[in-house]
PDB file of all heavy atoms in Angstrom:
ATOM      1  N   ARG A   1      -5.982 -12.581  -0.525  1.00  0.00           N
ATOM      2  CA  ARG A   1      -5.615 -13.626  -1.489  1.00  0.00           C
ATOM      3  C   ARG A   1      -4.226 -13.406  -2.078  1.00  0.00           C
ATOM      4  O   ARG A   1      -3.427 -14.337  -2.158  1.00  0.00           O
ATOM      5  CB  ARG A   1      -6.624 -13.667  -2.636  1.00  0.00           C
ATOM      6  CG  ARG A   1      -7.903 -14.386  -2.315  1.00  0.00           C
ATOM      7  CD  ARG A   1      -8.759 -14.630  -3.548  1.00  0.00           C
ATOM      8  NE  ARG A   1      -8.877 -13.488  -4.436  1.00  0.00           N
ATOM      9  CZ  ARG A   1      -9.821 -12.564  -4.368  1.00  0.00           C
ATOM     10  NH1 ARG A   1     -10.741 -12.627  -3.430  1.00  0.00           N
ATOM     11  NH2 ARG A   1      -9.870 -11.577  -5.225  1.00  0.00           N
ATOM     12  N   HIS A   2      -3.952 -12.199  -2.498  1.00  0.00           N
ATOM     13  CA  HIS A   2      -2.718 -11.903  -3.236  1.00  0.00           C
ATOM     14  C   HIS A   2      -1.473 -12.007  -2.358  1.00  0.00           C
ATOM     15  O   HIS A   2      -0.446 -12.502  -2.788  1.00  0.00           O
ATOM     16  CB  HIS A   2      -2.833 -10.513  -3.858  1.00  0.00           C
ATOM     17  CG  HIS A   2      -1.793 -10.194  -4.859  1.00  0.00           C
ATOM     18  ND1 HIS A   2      -1.690 -10.850  -6.060  1.00  0.00           N
ATOM     19  CD2 HIS A   2      -0.795  -9.295  -4.831  1.00  0.00           C
ATOM     20  CE1 HIS A   2      -0.671 -10.353  -6.735  1.00  0.00           C
ATOM     21  NE2 HIS A   2      -0.113  -9.412  -6.014  1.00  0.00           N
ATOM     22  N   PHE A   3      -1.573 -11.504  -1.125  1.00  0.00           N
ATOM     23  CA  PHE A   3      -0.406 -11.490  -0.244  1.00  0.00           C
ATOM     24  C   PHE A   3      -0.485 -12.512   0.884  1.00  0.00           C
ATOM     25  O   PHE A   3       0.457 -12.658   1.664  1.00  0.00           O
ATOM     26  CB  PHE A   3      -0.199 -10.098   0.362  1.00  0.00           C
ATOM     27  CG  PHE A   3       0.199  -9.065  -0.642  1.00  0.00           C
ATOM     28  CD1 PHE A   3      -0.555  -7.913  -0.801  1.00  0.00           C
ATOM     29  CD2 PHE A   3       1.329  -9.224  -1.430  1.00  0.00           C
ATOM     30  CE1 PHE A   3      -0.182  -6.938  -1.714  1.00  0.00           C
ATOM     31  CE2 PHE A   3       1.711  -8.260  -2.358  1.00  0.00           C
ATOM     32  CZ  PHE A   3       0.944  -7.129  -2.501  1.00  0.00           C
ATOM     33  N   GLY A   4      -1.615 -13.195   1.027  1.00  0.00           N
ATOM     34  CA  GLY A   4      -1.754 -14.185   2.084  1.00  0.00           C
ATOM     35  C   GLY A   4      -1.745 -13.565   3.475  1.00  0.00           C
ATOM     36  O   GLY A   4      -1.203 -14.149   4.414  1.00  0.00           O
ATOM     37  N   LEU A   5      -2.358 -12.392   3.601  1.00  0.00           N
ATOM     38  CA  LEU A   5      -2.367 -11.678   4.876  1.00  0.00           C
ATOM     39  C   LEU A   5      -3.624 -11.992   5.679  1.00  0.00           C
ATOM     40  O   LEU A   5      -4.673 -12.288   5.116  1.00  0.00           O
ATOM     41  CB  LEU A   5      -2.307 -10.170   4.633  1.00  0.00           C
ATOM     42  CG  LEU A   5      -1.077  -9.647   3.907  1.00  0.00           C
ATOM     43  CD1 LEU A   5      -1.227  -8.159   3.629  1.00  0.00           C
ATOM     44  CD2 LEU A   5       0.183  -9.917   4.710  1.00  0.00           C
ATOM     45  N   ALA A   6      -3.499 -11.887   6.991  1.00  0.00           N
ATOM     46  CA  ALA A   6      -4.641 -12.014   7.889  1.00  0.00           C
ATOM     47  C   ALA A   6      -5.418 -10.696   7.886  1.00  0.00           C
ATOM     48  O   ALA A   6      -4.907  -9.662   7.461  1.00  0.00           O
ATOM     49  CB  ALA A   6      -4.158 -12.330   9.310  1.00  0.00           C
ATOM     50  N   ALA A   7      -6.638 -10.742   8.376  1.00  0.00           N
ATOM     51  CA  ALA A   7      -7.517  -9.569   8.356  1.00  0.00           C
ATOM     52  C   ALA A   7      -6.899  -8.366   9.068  1.00  0.00           C
ATOM     53  O   ALA A   7      -6.983  -7.235   8.572  1.00  0.00           O
ATOM     54  CB  ALA A   7      -8.864  -9.908   8.976  1.00  0.00           C
ATOM     55  N   ASP A   8      -6.260  -8.578  10.228  1.00  0.00           N
ATOM     56  CA  ASP A   8      -5.663  -7.447  10.955  1.00  0.00           C
ATOM     57  C   ASP A   8      -4.466  -6.879  10.196  1.00  0.00           C
ATOM     58  O   ASP A   8      -4.230  -5.679  10.214  1.00  0.00           O
ATOM     59  CB  ASP A   8      -5.290  -7.823  12.387  1.00  0.00           C
ATOM     60  CG  ASP A   8      -4.299  -8.967  12.477  1.00  0.00           C
ATOM     61  OD1 ASP A   8      -4.284  -9.837  11.583  1.00  0.00           O
ATOM     62  OD2 ASP A   8      -3.532  -9.005  13.455  1.00  0.00           O
ATOM     63  N   GLU A   9      -3.722  -7.744   9.513  1.00  0.00           N
ATOM     64  CA  GLU A   9      -2.597  -7.270   8.703  1.00  0.00           C
ATOM     65  C   GLU A   9      -3.092  -6.441   7.520  1.00  0.00           C
ATOM     66  O   GLU A   9      -2.476  -5.429   7.163  1.00  0.00           O
ATOM     67  CB  GLU A   9      -1.767  -8.451   8.187  1.00  0.00           C
ATOM     68  CG  GLU A   9      -1.027  -9.193   9.278  1.00  0.00           C
ATOM     69  CD  GLU A   9      -0.339 -10.434   8.740  1.00  0.00           C
ATOM     70  OE1 GLU A   9      -0.984 -11.250   8.065  1.00  0.00           O
ATOM     71  OE2 GLU A   9       0.867 -10.573   9.020  1.00  0.00           O
ATOM     72  N   VAL A  10      -4.218  -6.846   6.937  1.00  0.00           N
ATOM     73  CA  VAL A  10      -4.796  -6.100   5.825  1.00  0.00           C
ATOM     74  C   VAL A  10      -5.263  -4.724   6.297  1.00  0.00           C
ATOM     75  O   VAL A  10      -5.034  -3.719   5.620  1.00  0.00           O
ATOM     76  CB  VAL A  10      -5.941  -6.884   5.151  1.00  0.00           C
ATOM     77  CG1 VAL A  10      -6.710  -6.013   4.170  1.00  0.00           C
ATOM     78  CG2 VAL A  10      -5.394  -8.110   4.437  1.00  0.00           C
ATOM     79  N   ARG A  11      -5.900  -4.669   7.449  1.00  0.00           N
ATOM     80  CA  ARG A  11      -6.326  -3.364   8.000  1.00  0.00           C
ATOM     81  C   ARG A  11      -5.132  -2.443   8.176  1.00  0.00           C
ATOM     82  O   ARG A  11      -5.185  -1.266   7.812  1.00  0.00           O
ATOM     83  CB  ARG A  11      -7.061  -3.554   9.326  1.00  0.00           C
ATOM     84  CG  ARG A  11      -8.515  -3.899   9.181  1.00  0.00           C
ATOM     85  CD  ARG A  11      -9.254  -3.804  10.510  1.00  0.00           C
ATOM     86  NE  ARG A  11      -8.661  -4.624  11.562  1.00  0.00           N
ATOM     87  CZ  ARG A  11      -8.903  -5.918  11.740  1.00  0.00           C
ATOM     88  NH1 ARG A  11      -9.732  -6.544  10.942  1.00  0.00           N
ATOM     89  NH2 ARG A  11      -8.321  -6.581  12.717  1.00  0.00           N
ATOM     90  N   ASP A  12      -4.051  -2.962   8.736  1.00  0.00           N
ATOM     91  CA  ASP A  12      -2.841  -2.163   8.929  1.00  0.00           C
ATOM     92  C   ASP A  12      -2.255  -1.732   7.589  1.00  0.00           C
ATOM     93  O   ASP A  12      -1.853  -0.576   7.415  1.00  0.00           O
ATOM     94  CB  ASP A  12      -1.785  -2.935   9.724  1.00  0.00           C
ATOM     95  CG  ASP A  12      -2.145  -3.107  11.190  1.00  0.00           C
ATOM     96  OD1 ASP A  12      -3.015  -2.353  11.688  1.00  0.00           O
ATOM     97  OD2 ASP A  12      -1.574  -3.998  11.836  1.00  0.00           O
ATOM     98  N   LEU A  13      -2.206  -2.652   6.642  1.00  0.00           N
ATOM     99  CA  LEU A  13      -1.668  -2.342   5.317  1.00  0.00           C
ATOM    100  C   LEU A  13      -2.504  -1.264   4.638  1.00  0.00           C
ATOM    101  O   LEU A  13      -1.958  -0.327   4.048  1.00  0.00           O
ATOM    102  CB  LEU A  13      -1.615  -3.600   4.444  1.00  0.00           C
ATOM    103  CG  LEU A  13      -1.142  -3.422   3.003  1.00  0.00           C
ATOM    104  CD1 LEU A  13       0.240  -2.802   2.939  1.00  0.00           C
ATOM    105  CD2 LEU A  13      -1.176  -4.765   2.285  1.00  0.00           C
ATOM    106  N   LEU A  14      -3.811  -1.364   4.730  1.00  0.00           N
ATOM    107  CA  LEU A  14      -4.697  -0.348   4.148  1.00  0.00           C
ATOM    108  C   LEU A  14      -4.437   1.025   4.758  1.00  0.00           C
ATOM    109  O   LEU A  14      -4.391   2.028   4.040  1.00  0.00           O
ATOM    110  CB  LEU A  14      -6.159  -0.737   4.319  1.00  0.00           C
ATOM    111  CG  LEU A  14      -6.675  -1.811   3.365  1.00  0.00           C
ATOM    112  CD1 LEU A  14      -8.019  -2.355   3.840  1.00  0.00           C
ATOM    113  CD2 LEU A  14      -6.782  -1.270   1.953  1.00  0.00           C
ATOM    114  N   GLU A  15      -4.255   1.072   6.071  1.00  0.00           N
ATOM    115  CA  GLU A  15      -3.974   2.352   6.730  1.00  0.00           C
ATOM    116  C   GLU A  15      -2.666   2.965   6.249  1.00  0.00           C
ATOM    117  O   GLU A  15      -2.606   4.152   5.922  1.00  0.00           O
ATOM    118  CB  GLU A  15      -3.906   2.173   8.253  1.00  0.00           C
ATOM    119  CG  GLU A  15      -5.235   2.093   8.934  1.00  0.00           C
ATOM    120  CD  GLU A  15      -5.066   1.994  10.450  1.00  0.00           C
ATOM    121  OE1 GLU A  15      -4.186   2.687  11.000  1.00  0.00           O
ATOM    122  OE2 GLU A  15      -5.814   1.216  11.065  1.00  0.00           O
ATOM    123  N   VAL A  16      -1.628   2.160   6.227  1.00  0.00           N
ATOM    124  CA  VAL A  16      -0.310   2.648   5.821  1.00  0.00           C
ATOM    125  C   VAL A  16      -0.309   3.052   4.343  1.00  0.00           C
ATOM    126  O   VAL A  16       0.213   4.107   3.970  1.00  0.00           O
ATOM    127  CB  VAL A  16       0.793   1.600   6.105  1.00  0.00           C
ATOM    128  CG1 VAL A  16       2.120   2.012   5.503  1.00  0.00           C
ATOM    129  CG2 VAL A  16       0.940   1.396   7.603  1.00  0.00           C
ATOM    130  N   ALA A  17      -0.919   2.224   3.498  1.00  0.00           N
ATOM    131  CA  ALA A  17      -0.959   2.527   2.069  1.00  0.00           C
ATOM    132  C   ALA A  17      -1.795   3.768   1.790  1.00  0.00           C
ATOM    133  O   ALA A  17      -1.438   4.575   0.919  1.00  0.00           O
ATOM    134  CB  ALA A  17      -1.499   1.327   1.295  1.00  0.00           C
ATOM    135  N   GLU A  18      -2.876   3.942   2.532  1.00  0.00           N
ATOM    136  CA  GLU A  18      -3.708   5.140   2.354  1.00  0.00           C
ATOM    137  C   GLU A  18      -2.913   6.387   2.732  1.00  0.00           C
ATOM    138  O   GLU A  18      -2.952   7.398   2.029  1.00  0.00           O
ATOM    139  CB  GLU A  18      -4.988   5.039   3.192  1.00  0.00           C
ATOM    140  CG  GLU A  18      -5.917   6.223   3.025  1.00  0.00           C
ATOM    141  CD  GLU A  18      -6.444   6.389   1.609  1.00  0.00           C
ATOM    142  OE1 GLU A  18      -6.768   5.377   0.962  1.00  0.00           O
ATOM    143  OE2 GLU A  18      -6.530   7.546   1.145  1.00  0.00           O
ATOM    144  N   GLU A  19      -2.182   6.319   3.815  1.00  0.00           N
ATOM    145  CA  GLU A  19      -1.354   7.453   4.227  1.00  0.00           C
ATOM    146  C   GLU A  19      -0.259   7.725   3.194  1.00  0.00           C
ATOM    147  O   GLU A  19      -0.010   8.875   2.830  1.00  0.00           O
ATOM    148  CB  GLU A  19      -0.728   7.188   5.596  1.00  0.00           C
ATOM    149  CG  GLU A  19       0.042   8.373   6.138  1.00  0.00           C
ATOM    150  CD  GLU A  19       0.589   8.124   7.531  1.00  0.00           C
ATOM    151  OE1 GLU A  19       0.129   7.180   8.214  1.00  0.00           O
ATOM    152  OE2 GLU A  19       1.482   8.882   7.938  1.00  0.00           O
ATOM    153  N   ALA A  20       0.366   6.681   2.697  1.00  0.00           N
ATOM    154  CA  ALA A  20       1.406   6.837   1.674  1.00  0.00           C
ATOM    155  C   ALA A  20       0.817   7.438   0.403  1.00  0.00           C
ATOM    156  O   ALA A  20       1.425   8.311  -0.224  1.00  0.00           O
ATOM    157  CB  ALA A  20       2.062   5.491   1.378  1.00  0.00           C
ATOM    158  N   ARG A  21      -0.363   6.995   0.029  1.00  0.00           N
ATOM    159  CA  ARG A  21      -1.039   7.513  -1.167  1.00  0.00           C
ATOM    160  C   ARG A  21      -1.349   8.994  -1.025  1.00  0.00           C
ATOM    161  O   ARG A  21      -1.085   9.795  -1.916  1.00  0.00           O
ATOM    162  CB  ARG A  21      -2.328   6.722  -1.417  1.00  0.00           C
ATOM    163  CG  ARG A  21      -3.086   7.130  -2.680  1.00  0.00           C
ATOM    164  CD  ARG A  21      -4.483   6.525  -2.704  1.00  0.00           C
ATOM    165  NE  ARG A  21      -5.380   7.166  -1.776  1.00  0.00           N
ATOM    166  CZ  ARG A  21      -6.018   8.316  -2.012  1.00  0.00           C
ATOM    167  NH1 ARG A  21      -5.860   8.959  -3.129  1.00  0.00           N
ATOM    168  NH2 ARG A  21      -6.832   8.822  -1.104  1.00  0.00           N
ATOM    169  N   ARG A  22      -1.890   9.369   0.127  1.00  0.00           N
ATOM    170  CA  ARG A  22      -2.219  10.776   0.371  1.00  0.00           C
ATOM    171  C   ARG A  22      -0.977  11.658   0.392  1.00  0.00           C
ATOM    172  O   ARG A  22      -1.017  12.796  -0.058  1.00  0.00           O
ATOM    173  CB  ARG A  22      -2.957  10.927   1.701  1.00  0.00           C
ATOM    174  CG  ARG A  22      -4.427  10.668   1.622  1.00  0.00           C
ATOM    175  CD  ARG A  22      -5.153  11.142   2.881  1.00  0.00           C
ATOM    176  NE  ARG A  22      -4.484  10.760   4.114  1.00  0.00           N
ATOM    177  CZ  ARG A  22      -4.747   9.670   4.831  1.00  0.00           C
ATOM    178  NH1 ARG A  22      -5.672   8.843   4.425  1.00  0.00           N
ATOM    179  NH2 ARG A  22      -4.098   9.410   5.932  1.00  0.00           N
ATOM    180  N   ASP A  23       0.130  11.139   0.937  1.00  0.00           N
ATOM    181  CA  ASP A  23       1.356  11.918   1.068  1.00  0.00           C
ATOM    182  C   ASP A  23       2.222  11.910  -0.188  1.00  0.00           C
ATOM    183  O   ASP A  23       3.211  12.637  -0.257  1.00  0.00           O
ATOM    184  CB  ASP A  23       2.202  11.399   2.242  1.00  0.00           C
ATOM    185  CG  ASP A  23       1.519  11.618   3.580  1.00  0.00           C
ATOM    186  OD1 ASP A  23       0.544  12.401   3.655  1.00  0.00           O
ATOM    187  OD2 ASP A  23       1.964  10.991   4.570  1.00  0.00           O
ATOM    188  N   SER A  24       1.863  11.101  -1.171  1.00  0.00           N
ATOM    189  CA  SER A  24       2.721  10.950  -2.350  1.00  0.00           C
ATOM    190  C   SER A  24       2.653  12.181  -3.250  1.00  0.00           C
ATOM    191  O   SER A  24       1.620  12.842  -3.350  1.00  0.00           O
ATOM    192  CB  SER A  24       2.324   9.712  -3.149  1.00  0.00           C
ATOM    193  OG  SER A  24       1.071   9.898  -3.761  1.00  0.00           O
ATOM    194  N   VAL A  25       3.773  12.439  -3.875  1.00  0.00           N
ATOM    195  CA  VAL A  25       3.850  13.526  -4.846  1.00  0.00           C
ATOM    196  C   VAL A  25       3.323  13.043  -6.197  1.00  0.00           C
ATOM    197  O   VAL A  25       2.636  13.768  -6.901  1.00  0.00           O
ATOM    198  CB  VAL A  25       5.311  14.017  -4.991  1.00  0.00           C
ATOM    199  CG1 VAL A  25       5.438  15.062  -6.072  1.00  0.00           C
ATOM    200  CG2 VAL A  25       5.811  14.542  -3.658  1.00  0.00           C
ATOM    201  N   ASP A  26       3.653  11.818  -6.533  1.00  0.00           N
ATOM    202  CA  ASP A  26       3.144  11.198  -7.760  1.00  0.00           C
ATOM    203  C   ASP A  26       3.050   9.689  -7.548  1.00  0.00           C
ATOM    204  O   ASP A  26       3.475   9.173  -6.523  1.00  0.00           O
ATOM    205  CB  ASP A  26       4.007  11.544  -8.972  1.00  0.00           C
ATOM    206  CG  ASP A  26       5.415  10.989  -8.883  1.00  0.00           C
ATOM    207  OD1 ASP A  26       5.648  10.012  -8.135  1.00  0.00           O
ATOM    208  OD2 ASP A  26       6.299  11.508  -9.572  1.00  0.00           O
ATOM    209  N   LEU A  27       2.501   9.033  -8.520  1.00  0.00           N
ATOM    210  CA  LEU A  27       2.281   7.589  -8.392  1.00  0.00           C
ATOM    211  C   LEU A  27       3.442   6.760  -8.915  1.00  0.00           C
ATOM    212  O   LEU A  27       3.476   5.549  -8.712  1.00  0.00           O
ATOM    213  CB  LEU A  27       0.985   7.210  -9.100  1.00  0.00           C
ATOM    214  CG  LEU A  27      -0.236   7.911  -8.513  1.00  0.00           C
ATOM    215  CD1 LEU A  27      -1.456   7.686  -9.379  1.00  0.00           C
ATOM    216  CD2 LEU A  27      -0.484   7.447  -7.091  1.00  0.00           C
ATOM    217  N   HIS A  28       4.387   7.420  -9.551  1.00  0.00           N
ATOM    218  CA  HIS A  28       5.554   6.708 -10.077  1.00  0.00           C
ATOM    219  C   HIS A  28       6.319   6.006  -8.955  1.00  0.00           C
ATOM    220  O   HIS A  28       6.874   4.928  -9.163  1.00  0.00           O
ATOM    221  CB  HIS A  28       6.466   7.662 -10.844  1.00  0.00           C
ATOM    222  CG  HIS A  28       7.678   6.999 -11.392  1.00  0.00           C
ATOM    223  ND1 HIS A  28       7.617   6.100 -12.432  1.00  0.00           N
ATOM    224  CD2 HIS A  28       8.975   7.066 -11.026  1.00  0.00           C
ATOM    225  CE1 HIS A  28       8.829   5.660 -12.687  1.00  0.00           C
ATOM    226  NE2 HIS A  28       9.666   6.217 -11.847  1.00  0.00           N
ATOM    227  N   GLN A  29       6.326   6.593  -7.769  1.00  0.00           N
ATOM    228  CA  GLN A  29       7.035   5.952  -6.662  1.00  0.00           C
ATOM    229  C   GLN A  29       6.463   4.581  -6.343  1.00  0.00           C
ATOM    230  O   GLN A  29       7.182   3.683  -5.933  1.00  0.00           O
ATOM    231  CB  GLN A  29       7.030   6.843  -5.426  1.00  0.00           C
ATOM    232  CG  GLN A  29       5.655   7.085  -4.830  1.00  0.00           C
ATOM    233  CD  GLN A  29       5.690   8.044  -3.664  1.00  0.00           C
ATOM    234  OE1 GLN A  29       6.728   8.286  -3.083  1.00  0.00           O
ATOM    235  NE2 GLN A  29       4.552   8.606  -3.334  1.00  0.00           N
ATOM    236  N   PHE A  30       5.191   4.391  -6.565  1.00  0.00           N
ATOM    237  CA  PHE A  30       4.565   3.095  -6.320  1.00  0.00           C
ATOM    238  C   PHE A  30       4.735   2.150  -7.513  1.00  0.00           C
ATOM    239  O   PHE A  30       5.068   0.977  -7.336  1.00  0.00           O
ATOM    240  CB  PHE A  30       3.083   3.259  -5.991  1.00  0.00           C
ATOM    241  CG  PHE A  30       2.825   4.157  -4.819  1.00  0.00           C
ATOM    242  CD1 PHE A  30       2.021   5.274  -4.952  1.00  0.00           C
ATOM    243  CD2 PHE A  30       3.400   3.907  -3.585  1.00  0.00           C
ATOM    244  CE1 PHE A  30       1.780   6.116  -3.874  1.00  0.00           C
ATOM    245  CE2 PHE A  30       3.176   4.742  -2.500  1.00  0.00           C
ATOM    246  CZ  PHE A  30       2.366   5.857  -2.652  1.00  0.00           C
ATOM    247  N   THR A  31       4.482   2.665  -8.714  1.00  0.00           N
ATOM    248  CA  THR A  31       4.599   1.802  -9.896  1.00  0.00           C
ATOM    249  C   THR A  31       6.035   1.342 -10.102  1.00  0.00           C
ATOM    250  O   THR A  31       6.260   0.217 -10.552  1.00  0.00           O
ATOM    251  CB  THR A  31       4.080   2.490 -11.173  1.00  0.00           C
ATOM    252  OG1 THR A  31       4.785   3.713 -11.376  1.00  0.00           O
ATOM    253  CG2 THR A  31       2.582   2.736 -11.089  1.00  0.00           C
ATOM    254  N   SER A  32       7.006   2.170  -9.741  1.00  0.00           N
ATOM    255  CA  SER A  32       8.408   1.761  -9.933  1.00  0.00           C
ATOM    256  C   SER A  32       8.781   0.613  -8.994  1.00  0.00           C
ATOM    257  O   SER A  32       9.526  -0.289  -9.382  1.00  0.00           O
ATOM    258  CB  SER A  32       9.357   2.943  -9.754  1.00  0.00           C
ATOM    259  OG  SER A  32       9.324   3.421  -8.426  1.00  0.00           O
ATOM    260  N   VAL A  33       8.255   0.615  -7.776  1.00  0.00           N
ATOM    261  CA  VAL A  33       8.513  -0.490  -6.839  1.00  0.00           C
ATOM    262  C   VAL A  33       7.912  -1.776  -7.390  1.00  0.00           C
ATOM    263  O   VAL A  33       8.559  -2.823  -7.418  1.00  0.00           O
ATOM    264  CB  VAL A  33       7.945  -0.176  -5.427  1.00  0.00           C
ATOM    265  CG1 VAL A  33       7.997  -1.412  -4.533  1.00  0.00           C
ATOM    266  CG2 VAL A  33       8.700   0.968  -4.794  1.00  0.00           C
ATOM    267  N   VAL A  34       6.673  -1.700  -7.851  1.00  0.00           N
ATOM    268  CA  VAL A  34       6.002  -2.879  -8.394  1.00  0.00           C
ATOM    269  C   VAL A  34       6.726  -3.379  -9.642  1.00  0.00           C
ATOM    270  O   VAL A  34       6.992  -4.575  -9.768  1.00  0.00           O
ATOM    271  CB  VAL A  34       4.514  -2.575  -8.699  1.00  0.00           C
ATOM    272  CG1 VAL A  34       3.865  -3.725  -9.455  1.00  0.00           C
ATOM    273  CG2 VAL A  34       3.754  -2.281  -7.408  1.00  0.00           C
ATOM    274  N   ALA A  35       7.067  -2.480 -10.547  1.00  0.00           N
ATOM    275  CA  ALA A  35       7.734  -2.878 -11.794  1.00  0.00           C
ATOM    276  C   ALA A  35       9.087  -3.533 -11.526  1.00  0.00           C
ATOM    277  O   ALA A  35       9.482  -4.461 -12.238  1.00  0.00           O
ATOM    278  CB  ALA A  35       7.900  -1.675 -12.715  1.00  0.00           C
TER     279      ALA A  35
END
């Protein structure tokens, strides 16, 4: 709903975001992009 992505795009996004989350040192790198 939020990004208007297809199901396969969401699966890919979830994989990449999960890897980025696991590899992150802190969450500021994500909140700063959003802000």
